[in-house]
Protein backbone atom coordinates (compact mmCIF):
# COMPACT_ATOMS: atom_id res chain seq x y z
CA MET A 1 60.66 46.28 55.70
CA ARG A 2 61.39 44.67 52.32
CA GLU A 3 57.75 44.90 51.20
CA PRO A 4 57.64 46.27 47.64
CA VAL A 5 54.16 47.85 47.97
CA PHE A 6 53.81 48.98 51.58
CA THR A 7 57.10 50.84 51.79
CA PRO A 8 58.68 52.51 54.84
CA ARG A 9 57.29 55.82 53.52
CA ILE A 10 53.73 54.42 53.67
CA LEU A 11 54.43 52.99 57.13
CA ALA A 12 55.54 56.44 58.27
CA GLU A 13 52.24 57.92 57.07
CA TRP A 14 50.17 55.21 58.80
CA THR A 15 52.17 55.77 61.96
CA ARG A 16 51.49 59.50 61.75
CA ARG A 17 47.75 58.88 61.29
CA HIS A 18 47.55 56.24 64.04
CA PRO A 19 50.08 57.37 66.66
CA HIS A 20 48.86 54.93 69.33
CA ALA A 21 49.08 51.83 67.14
CA ALA A 22 51.73 49.26 67.93
CA VAL A 23 54.24 49.05 65.09
CA HIS A 24 56.61 46.13 64.67
CA ARG A 25 59.26 46.21 61.95
CA PHE A 26 60.71 43.06 60.45
CA PRO A 27 63.87 44.07 58.57
CA ARG A 28 64.22 40.82 56.60
CA ALA A 29 60.52 40.33 55.80
CA GLY A 30 58.84 41.04 52.50
CA HIS A 31 55.21 40.69 51.41
CA LEU A 32 54.73 37.29 53.06
CA VAL A 33 55.63 38.36 56.59
CA MET A 34 54.48 35.13 58.21
CA ASP A 35 56.79 33.15 55.91
CA ASP A 36 59.74 35.51 56.36
CA ALA A 37 59.40 36.32 60.07
CA GLY A 38 56.92 33.81 61.47
CA ASP A 39 59.03 33.05 64.55
CA GLU A 40 58.87 36.73 65.52
CA LEU A 41 55.34 37.48 64.30
CA GLY A 42 53.52 34.49 65.79
CA PRO A 43 54.01 35.49 69.44
CA LEU A 44 52.98 39.08 68.67
CA ILE A 45 49.73 37.87 67.11
CA ARG A 46 49.09 35.55 70.07
CA ASP A 47 49.77 38.34 72.58
CA PHE A 48 47.42 40.66 70.68
CA LEU A 49 44.60 38.10 70.62
CA LEU A 50 44.87 36.85 74.21
CA PRO A 51 43.10 39.87 75.74
CA HIS A 52 40.35 39.50 73.12
CA PRO A 53 39.01 35.93 73.45
CA GLN A 54 36.36 34.78 71.03
CA PRO A 55 32.89 34.14 72.48
CA PRO A 56 31.75 30.49 72.45
CA ARG A 57 30.22 29.26 69.20
CA GLY A 58 26.55 30.17 68.92
CA GLN A 59 27.03 33.37 70.92
CA ARG A 60 28.86 35.37 68.23
């Protein structure tokens, strides 16, 4: 939520346009979210990817 480009106002518009999207706010994070909130973001990324496993190499 400390991102200088993608402000809360822009987030509000994206949320309006994509009402079913999951939105996670990181109050202390800036542009480099993984650096600023990696402990919180990592599990969310993992949980998002788990239901979408990659096909084996050669079958992509």
